[in-house]
Amino acid sequence: MPQINSVPFKEMAPGISADLGNIKKQTYGRYLEQFKPGEIFVHPRAFTIDRDFAQEFATVFMDANPLFLSAPYSQAHGFKDLLVSPLMVFNIALSLGVQNNSEKAVANLGYYNVQFLMPVYPGDTLTSRSKVLNVNEKGSDKPGIVHVRTLCMNQNNEVVLQYERKIMISFSQGKPVGDSKPGSKDVYFPEQETPKIVLPDLKYPKDFRDTTWENTYFESFQPGAIYVHANGRTITDEHTPWTYRVGNTHPLHYDKLYSSGISGPMGGDPIVYGGLVFAWLIGLASRDISENMIWELGYTEGYHTQPSISGDTVTAISRILSAEDAGNKYGIPAGEVHIHFIGLKNIKASEALDKFGGDLFIKENDKKKMGKSKISEKIFEIERKLVIKKRPS
């Protein structure tokens, strides 16, 4: 191992005049004209998730499933260690892609086909890469829509998560354009149109029954049931450090000088990064819905319909769409539960259901053609599908 003497260095700045003709201002992110279908971006940085980070995420975002909190519980079910929360994996995968995909975004339009394919454990290192599927231009003076597919991979180049996202982005229109590394069509990108879930041989221990609530086994869920989750979660300025903790570099979420310079509904205080709002909402539902979940299959076509800022209180509602017996498809007695999930802000979930009724469950983007008004308190809508254990005999 080389040993190098450490020599104190002298102050130089007072003797060197500042060269104001040699100013460099780095610009990050891409404008619409910088996206080409088929290009693949390998996103900078990699995250090794240690145990403290994984457990802190699960507790801060209020997840009650012991798979993310207890190593003995997870190992007894066949996993090699406690699992990293799927929403943590999702947040890191999306955030690592912000510098290439959405740091110049006007809006995040939605998530599509989110599929969790392999367990992620403490000690795993995650990277992210995205492929541009389509660029829909609306005119040189209007924002267009960029459709990307993102893969999250572990240190063994195994895909642990695959999902798609649509992002509204403007042309540069004379603004400084960054020198981001160009995309390539030749980069390794093991996407699958029909991805395979790779799980260990699952087990069903009988000695952890008191660890979870009796009302969250598969048999408890009946199609049509609407779960009004009891508690809300007031988001504080904690969202600012959490934005960077999961790797998100968009200044809209942590730079008030930037956010206050934006006109329109997104201007003013920094906007809470949507992935964090997503995680808090899912956490609010976990005691009622996912405490006995054995695997999160994924999410399909969801939207942030309103932004959130520090001080907002978020609440949630789940509607059971289907509950199908899966037999021993996953190696243990379990079923698949398909859920319509709704997020709200600054209104109790029970009061929102009383006030808006069935309109809560209509897509916000469909309401105009139906002659209905959008709900300003509704901030999120998505469908999710879970594998949930059957009740022990």
Protein backbone atom coordinates (compact mmCIF):
# COMPACT_ATOMS: atom_id res chain seq x y z
CA MET A 1 0.00 0.00 0.00
CA PRO A 2 1.61 3.31 -1.04
CA GLN A 3 2.33 5.86 1.68
CA ILE A 4 2.37 9.49 0.54
CA ASN A 5 3.60 12.34 2.69
CA SER A 6 0.93 14.91 3.50
CA VAL A 7 2.44 18.35 3.00
CA PRO A 8 0.51 21.49 4.04
CA PHE A 9 -0.35 23.53 0.96
CA LYS A 10 -0.21 27.29 0.71
CA GLU A 11 -3.13 29.64 0.14
CA MET A 12 -3.23 30.77 -3.52
CA ALA A 13 -6.54 32.59 -4.08
CA PRO A 14 -5.44 36.10 -2.92
CA GLY A 15 -2.70 36.17 -5.54
CA ILE A 16 -4.76 35.05 -8.52
CA SER A 17 -7.36 37.36 -10.07
CA ALA A 18 -10.72 35.81 -10.94
CA ASP A 19 -11.07 35.26 -14.71
CA LEU A 20 -14.66 36.36 -15.34
CA GLY A 21 -14.33 35.34 -18.98
CA ASN A 22 -13.96 31.70 -18.02
CA ILE A 23 -17.32 31.01 -16.35
CA LYS A 24 -18.74 27.47 -16.50
CA LYS A 25 -22.40 26.77 -15.70
CA GLN A 26 -23.22 23.08 -15.90
CA THR A 27 -26.72 22.29 -17.10
CA TYR A 28 -28.25 18.94 -16.18
CA GLY A 29 -31.20 17.12 -17.70
CA ARG A 30 -32.49 16.84 -21.26
CA TYR A 31 -34.94 18.89 -23.29
CA LEU A 32 -37.36 17.26 -25.69
CA GLU A 33 -35.13 17.47 -28.76
CA GLN A 34 -32.45 15.49 -26.92
CA PHE A 35 -34.53 12.30 -26.77
CA LYS A 36 -34.46 9.80 -29.65
CA PRO A 37 -36.53 6.59 -29.72
CA GLY A 38 -34.41 3.52 -29.12
CA GLU A 39 -31.65 5.32 -27.24
CA ILE A 40 -30.59 3.83 -23.91
CA PHE A 41 -29.24 5.91 -21.03
CA VAL A 42 -27.09 4.28 -18.36
CA HIS A 43 -27.80 6.49 -15.37
CA PRO A 44 -24.93 7.78 -13.21
CA ARG A 45 -24.37 6.58 -9.65
CA ALA A 46 -25.11 3.33 -7.86
CA PHE A 47 -26.68 2.73 -4.46
CA THR A 48 -25.62 0.05 -1.99
CA ILE A 49 -28.52 -0.38 0.43
CA ASP A 50 -27.35 -1.19 3.93
CA ARG A 51 -29.60 -2.63 6.60
CA ASP A 52 -30.09 0.63 8.51
CA PHE A 53 -31.14 2.45 5.34
CA ALA A 54 -33.61 -0.29 4.38
CA GLN A 55 -35.21 -0.44 7.82
CA GLU A 56 -35.32 3.34 8.15
CA PHE A 57 -37.17 3.63 4.84
CA ALA A 58 -39.70 0.99 5.90
CA THR A 59 -40.37 2.74 9.21
CA VAL A 60 -40.35 6.36 7.97
CA PHE A 61 -42.81 5.36 5.24
CA MET A 62 -44.92 3.41 7.75
CA ASP A 63 -44.85 -0.06 6.21
CA ALA A 64 -46.22 -2.67 8.61
CA ASN A 65 -45.17 -5.80 6.69
CA PRO A 66 -42.57 -7.67 8.78
CA LEU A 67 -40.80 -8.86 5.62
CA PHE A 68 -39.21 -5.37 5.57
CA LEU A 69 -38.61 -5.13 9.31
CA SER A 70 -37.67 -8.56 10.68
CA ALA A 71 -34.89 -10.79 9.35
CA PRO A 72 -36.11 -13.90 11.27
CA TYR A 73 -39.61 -13.47 9.83
CA SER A 74 -38.34 -13.08 6.27
CA GLN A 75 -35.91 -15.98 6.59
CA ALA A 76 -38.62 -18.22 8.00
CA HIS A 77 -40.60 -17.54 4.81
CA GLY A 78 -37.71 -18.60 2.58
CA PHE A 79 -35.95 -15.29 1.89
CA LYS A 80 -32.25 -15.05 2.73
CA ASP A 81 -32.66 -11.84 4.76
CA LEU A 82 -35.22 -9.11 5.40
CA LEU A 83 -36.43 -7.61 2.14
CA VAL A 84 -35.88 -4.06 0.96
CA SER A 85 -39.28 -2.41 0.54
CA PRO A 86 -40.50 -2.47 -3.09
CA LEU A 87 -41.28 1.26 -2.87
CA MET A 88 -37.68 1.90 -1.81
CA VAL A 89 -36.42 -0.04 -4.83
CA PHE A 90 -38.83 1.89 -7.05
CA ASN A 91 -37.81 5.26 -5.60
CA ILE A 92 -34.11 4.59 -6.09
CA ALA A 93 -34.59 3.27 -9.64
CA LEU A 94 -36.66 6.28 -10.66
CA SER A 95 -34.46 8.80 -8.85
CA LEU A 96 -31.24 7.56 -10.42
CA GLY A 97 -32.88 8.19 -13.80
CA VAL A 98 -33.92 11.78 -13.10
CA GLN A 99 -30.68 13.38 -14.33
CA ASN A 100 -31.12 11.75 -17.76
CA ASN A 101 -34.89 11.42 -17.99
CA SER A 102 -36.74 14.16 -16.16
CA GLU A 103 -34.60 16.89 -14.63
CA LYS A 104 -36.04 19.24 -17.26
CA ALA A 105 -39.57 17.83 -16.94
CA VAL A 106 -42.69 20.00 -16.81
CA ALA A 107 -44.61 17.14 -15.20
CA ASN A 108 -44.45 13.42 -14.47
CA LEU A 109 -47.52 12.08 -16.29
CA GLY A 110 -47.71 8.57 -14.93
CA TYR A 111 -46.28 5.15 -14.07
CA TYR A 112 -47.03 2.07 -16.15
CA ASN A 113 -46.43 -1.68 -15.85
CA VAL A 114 -44.39 -1.55 -12.65
CA GLN A 115 -43.19 -5.13 -12.06
CA PHE A 116 -41.04 -6.32 -9.16
CA LEU A 117 -39.07 -9.32 -10.43
CA MET A 118 -36.56 -10.36 -7.75
CA PRO A 119 -35.97 -9.79 -4.04
CA VAL A 120 -33.60 -7.00 -3.04
CA TYR A 121 -31.70 -7.50 0.22
CA PRO A 122 -29.53 -5.27 2.43
CA GLY A 123 -26.08 -5.20 0.89
CA ASP A 124 -27.35 -5.26 -2.69
CA THR A 125 -26.21 -2.48 -5.01
CA LEU A 126 -28.77 -0.99 -7.40
CA THR A 127 -28.21 0.74 -10.72
CA SER A 128 -30.71 2.03 -13.25
CA ARG A 129 -30.92 2.46 -17.02
CA SER A 130 -33.70 3.63 -19.34
CA LYS A 131 -34.70 3.15 -22.95
CA VAL A 132 -36.64 5.79 -24.87
CA LEU A 133 -39.72 4.06 -26.27
CA ASN A 134 -41.38 7.04 -27.92
CA VAL A 135 -41.19 10.83 -28.27
CA ASN A 136 -44.53 12.52 -28.99
CA GLU A 137 -44.05 16.10 -30.16
CA LYS A 138 -47.00 18.51 -29.94
CA GLY A 139 -45.37 21.47 -31.72
CA SER A 140 -42.22 23.53 -31.28
CA ASP A 141 -43.88 25.84 -28.74
CA LYS A 142 -45.56 23.11 -26.70
CA PRO A 143 -44.29 20.43 -24.32
CA GLY A 144 -44.11 16.91 -25.71
CA ILE A 145 -44.30 13.51 -24.07
CA VAL A 146 -41.34 11.17 -23.60
CA HIS A 147 -42.13 7.51 -22.88
CA VAL A 148 -39.31 5.53 -21.26
CA ARG A 149 -38.86 2.02 -19.93
CA THR A 150 -36.52 1.71 -16.95
CA LEU A 151 -34.70 -1.33 -15.61
CA CYS A 152 -33.30 -1.51 -12.09
CA MET A 153 -30.47 -4.01 -11.79
CA ASN A 154 -28.50 -5.45 -8.90
CA GLN A 155 -24.76 -6.01 -8.65
CA ASN A 156 -25.11 -9.27 -10.62
CA ASN A 157 -26.79 -7.48 -13.56
CA GLU A 158 -30.08 -9.17 -12.66
CA VAL A 159 -33.23 -7.12 -13.30
CA VAL A 160 -35.08 -6.62 -10.02
CA LEU A 161 -37.62 -4.08 -11.31
CA GLN A 162 -38.98 -3.06 -14.71
CA TYR A 163 -41.39 -0.19 -15.27
CA GLU A 164 -42.40 2.56 -17.70
CA ARG A 165 -42.95 6.26 -17.24
CA LYS A 166 -44.35 9.11 -19.34
CA ILE A 167 -42.84 12.56 -18.83
CA MET A 168 -43.92 15.97 -20.16
CA ILE A 169 -40.86 17.90 -21.40
CA SER A 170 -40.46 21.12 -23.41
CA PHE A 171 -38.06 22.00 -26.22
CA SER A 172 -35.09 24.07 -25.10
CA GLN A 173 -36.28 27.14 -27.08
CA GLY A 174 -32.97 28.92 -26.70
CA LYS A 175 -32.24 27.87 -23.12
CA PRO A 176 -28.79 26.41 -22.36
CA VAL A 177 -28.62 22.73 -23.25
CA GLY A 178 -26.51 20.44 -21.10
CA ASP A 179 -23.77 18.15 -22.32
CA SER A 180 -25.25 14.93 -20.95
CA LYS A 181 -23.63 11.73 -22.17
CA PRO A 182 -25.46 10.72 -25.37
CA GLY A 183 -27.66 7.67 -25.33
CA SER A 184 -26.74 4.53 -27.24
CA LYS A 185 -28.74 1.79 -28.93
CA ASP A 186 -26.02 -0.77 -28.21
CA VAL A 187 -26.04 -0.75 -24.41
CA TYR A 188 -26.99 -3.96 -22.58
CA PHE A 189 -30.69 -3.66 -21.82
CA PRO A 190 -32.29 -7.00 -20.86
CA GLU A 191 -35.91 -5.85 -21.05
CA GLN A 192 -38.66 -8.47 -21.22
CA GLU A 193 -42.11 -8.03 -22.69
CA THR A 194 -43.29 -10.78 -20.35
CA PRO A 195 -40.93 -10.59 -17.37
CA LYS A 196 -40.45 -13.59 -15.10
CA ILE A 197 -40.60 -13.27 -11.32
CA VAL A 198 -37.72 -15.09 -9.62
CA LEU A 199 -38.46 -15.99 -6.00
CA PRO A 200 -36.81 -18.40 -3.58
CA ASP A 201 -38.65 -21.53 -2.46
CA LEU A 202 -41.17 -19.92 -0.16
CA LYS A 203 -42.14 -21.45 3.16
CA TYR A 204 -45.13 -21.04 5.45
CA PRO A 205 -44.02 -21.04 9.10
CA LYS A 206 -46.73 -21.48 11.72
CA ASP A 207 -44.88 -19.85 14.63
CA PHE A 208 -45.14 -16.20 13.48
CA ARG A 209 -48.92 -15.92 13.63
CA ASP A 210 -48.86 -13.23 16.32
CA THR A 211 -46.52 -11.06 14.23
CA THR A 212 -49.32 -9.91 11.91
CA TRP A 213 -52.98 -9.03 12.22
CA GLU A 214 -55.60 -11.72 11.57
CA ASN A 215 -57.65 -9.48 9.26
CA THR A 216 -55.05 -9.22 6.50
CA TYR A 217 -54.88 -12.80 5.26
CA PHE A 218 -56.15 -13.53 1.75
CA GLU A 219 -59.53 -14.78 2.95
CA SER A 220 -60.28 -11.37 4.44
CA PHE A 221 -60.48 -9.61 1.08
CA GLN A 222 -63.76 -9.57 -0.82
CA PRO A 223 -64.26 -7.87 -4.22
CA GLY A 224 -66.11 -4.59 -3.84
CA ALA A 225 -64.92 -3.85 -0.31
CA ILE A 226 -63.66 -0.31 0.22
CA TYR A 227 -61.02 0.18 2.91
CA VAL A 228 -60.95 3.66 4.40
CA HIS A 229 -57.52 3.79 6.01
CA ALA A 230 -57.70 5.28 9.47
CA ASN A 231 -54.74 7.60 9.74
CA GLY A 232 -53.14 10.37 7.74
CA ARG A 233 -49.49 11.37 7.51
CA THR A 234 -48.44 15.01 7.67
CA ILE A 235 -45.40 15.52 5.46
CA THR A 236 -42.84 17.95 6.86
CA ASP A 237 -39.62 19.39 5.49
CA GLU A 238 -38.23 15.87 6.04
CA HIS A 239 -39.07 15.30 2.37
CA THR A 240 -36.12 17.51 1.34
CA PRO A 241 -33.32 15.25 2.63
CA TRP A 242 -35.26 12.13 1.64
CA THR A 243 -35.33 13.36 -1.96
CA TYR A 244 -31.56 13.22 -2.15
CA ARG A 245 -31.30 10.13 0.07
CA VAL A 246 -32.99 8.12 -2.69
CA GLY A 247 -30.96 9.88 -5.38
CA ASN A 248 -33.43 12.33 -6.94
CA THR A 249 -31.61 15.38 -8.39
CA HIS A 250 -34.55 17.49 -9.62
CA PRO A 251 -34.26 20.93 -7.94
CA LEU A 252 -38.05 21.34 -7.89
CA HIS A 253 -38.04 19.14 -4.78
CA TYR A 254 -35.38 20.83 -2.65
CA ASP A 255 -34.40 24.25 -4.09
CA LYS A 256 -36.84 27.03 -3.14
CA LEU A 257 -35.04 29.56 -5.35
CA TYR A 258 -35.76 27.26 -8.28
CA SER A 259 -39.33 26.30 -7.34
CA SER A 260 -40.39 29.86 -6.53
CA GLY A 261 -39.24 30.96 -9.99
CA ILE A 262 -41.72 28.64 -11.71
CA SER A 263 -45.06 30.07 -12.79
CA GLY A 264 -48.30 28.15 -12.45
CA PRO A 265 -49.48 25.50 -9.97
CA MET A 266 -46.00 23.95 -9.55
CA GLY A 267 -44.43 27.27 -8.52
CA GLY A 268 -43.81 28.37 -4.93
CA ASP A 269 -42.62 26.00 -2.24
CA PRO A 270 -40.64 22.91 -3.28
CA ILE A 271 -42.90 20.09 -4.42
CA VAL A 272 -42.66 16.81 -2.53
CA TYR A 273 -41.09 14.23 -4.85
CA GLY A 274 -43.96 12.06 -6.06
CA GLY A 275 -42.22 8.76 -5.34
CA LEU A 276 -42.08 9.69 -1.66
CA VAL A 277 -45.77 10.62 -1.64
CA PHE A 278 -46.47 7.26 -3.31
CA ALA A 279 -44.53 5.45 -0.56
CA TRP A 280 -46.24 7.32 2.29
CA LEU A 281 -49.68 6.56 0.85
CA ILE A 282 -48.90 2.86 0.43
CA GLY A 283 -47.56 2.80 3.98
CA LEU A 284 -50.83 4.23 5.30
CA ALA A 285 -52.64 1.25 3.76
CA SER A 286 -50.25 -1.45 4.91
CA ARG A 287 -51.85 -2.33 8.26
CA ASP A 288 -55.20 -2.92 6.54
CA ILE A 289 -54.02 -4.43 3.27
CA SER A 290 -50.47 -5.73 2.98
CA GLU A 291 -49.34 -6.89 6.42
CA ASN A 292 -49.54 -10.54 5.26
CA MET A 293 -48.37 -9.84 1.71
CA ILE A 294 -45.66 -12.23 0.56
CA TRP A 295 -44.86 -10.43 -2.72
CA GLU A 296 -45.74 -7.14 -4.39
CA LEU A 297 -46.50 -8.05 -8.02
CA GLY A 298 -46.59 -4.44 -9.14
CA TYR A 299 -48.64 -1.45 -10.27
CA THR A 300 -50.35 -0.49 -13.50
CA GLU A 301 -51.11 2.94 -14.99
CA GLY A 302 -51.11 5.39 -12.11
CA TYR A 303 -50.96 9.17 -11.85
CA HIS A 304 -50.11 11.97 -9.46
CA THR A 305 -53.16 14.16 -10.07
CA GLN A 306 -52.14 17.02 -7.75
CA PRO A 307 -48.80 18.05 -6.20
CA SER A 308 -48.04 18.03 -2.46
CA ILE A 309 -45.91 20.41 -0.42
CA SER A 310 -44.51 20.38 3.10
CA GLY A 311 -47.33 20.67 5.61
CA ASP A 312 -49.84 18.67 3.56
CA THR A 313 -51.46 15.67 5.25
CA VAL A 314 -52.00 12.67 3.00
CA THR A 315 -54.64 9.97 3.44
CA ALA A 316 -55.61 6.87 1.46
CA ILE A 317 -58.42 4.55 0.37
CA SER A 318 -58.21 1.04 -1.14
CA ARG A 319 -60.95 -0.67 -3.17
CA ILE A 320 -60.74 -4.42 -3.72
CA LEU A 321 -61.28 -5.22 -7.41
CA SER A 322 -60.66 -8.97 -7.32
CA ALA A 323 -59.36 -11.70 -5.02
CA GLU A 324 -58.28 -14.86 -6.84
CA ASP A 325 -57.12 -18.06 -5.16
CA ALA A 326 -53.62 -18.86 -6.42
CA GLY A 327 -53.43 -22.31 -4.81
CA ASN A 328 -49.74 -23.21 -4.46
CA LYS A 329 -48.63 -21.20 -7.52
CA TYR A 330 -46.11 -19.37 -5.32
CA GLY A 331 -45.12 -22.44 -3.33
CA ILE A 332 -47.33 -21.68 -0.32
CA PRO A 333 -51.11 -21.26 0.07
CA ALA A 334 -51.83 -17.76 -1.19
CA GLY A 335 -54.06 -15.61 -3.36
CA GLU A 336 -53.72 -12.60 -5.65
CA VAL A 337 -55.54 -9.43 -4.61
CA HIS A 338 -56.07 -6.64 -7.17
CA ILE A 339 -56.62 -3.21 -5.62
CA HIS A 340 -57.70 0.25 -6.79
CA PHE A 341 -55.70 2.69 -4.70
CA ILE A 342 -56.54 6.36 -4.10
CA GLY A 343 -54.43 9.05 -2.40
CA LEU A 344 -55.82 12.28 -0.94
CA LYS A 345 -54.49 15.39 0.79
CA ASN A 346 -55.75 17.64 3.57
CA ILE A 347 -58.99 15.72 4.04
CA LYS A 348 -59.75 12.64 6.10
CA ALA A 349 -60.33 9.59 3.93
CA SER A 350 -63.76 8.99 5.51
CA GLU A 351 -64.79 12.60 4.86
CA ALA A 352 -63.61 12.38 1.26
CA LEU A 353 -65.69 9.26 0.70
CA ASP A 354 -68.76 10.96 2.20
CA LYS A 355 -68.19 14.10 0.15
CA PHE A 356 -67.29 12.66 -3.27
CA GLY A 357 -68.63 9.09 -3.20
CA GLY A 358 -68.11 7.12 -6.39
CA ASP A 359 -66.45 10.07 -8.15
CA LEU A 360 -63.31 9.30 -6.15
CA PHE A 361 -62.83 6.13 -8.19
CA ILE A 362 -63.20 7.74 -11.63
CA LYS A 363 -59.93 8.63 -13.35
CA GLU A 364 -59.34 12.35 -13.08
CA ASN A 365 -58.37 12.62 -16.75
CA ASP A 366 -61.72 11.08 -17.77
CA LYS A 367 -63.89 13.54 -15.86
CA LYS A 368 -63.91 16.41 -18.34
CA LYS A 369 -65.54 14.35 -21.09
CA MET A 370 -68.05 13.09 -18.52
CA GLY A 371 -68.98 16.62 -17.49
CA LYS A 372 -67.56 16.11 -14.01
CA SER A 373 -65.20 18.34 -12.06
CA LYS A 374 -61.80 17.13 -10.94
CA ILE A 375 -61.26 16.64 -7.22
CA SER A 376 -58.57 18.98 -5.92
CA GLU A 377 -58.09 16.88 -2.76
CA LYS A 378 -57.33 13.76 -4.80
CA ILE A 379 -53.59 13.49 -5.45
CA PHE A 380 -52.94 9.93 -6.63
CA GLU A 381 -54.60 6.97 -8.32
CA ILE A 382 -53.20 3.62 -9.34
CA GLU A 383 -53.95 -0.11 -9.35
CA ARG A 384 -51.78 -2.62 -7.53
CA LYS A 385 -51.65 -6.41 -7.26
CA LEU A 386 -50.39 -8.37 -4.26
CA VAL A 387 -49.71 -11.99 -3.37
CA ILE A 388 -51.16 -12.49 0.11
CA LYS A 389 -50.83 -15.55 2.34
CA LYS A 390 -53.86 -17.62 3.25
CA ARG A 391 -54.86 -17.87 6.89
CA PRO A 392 -53.04 -20.65 8.76
CA SER A 393 -55.17 -23.71 9.41
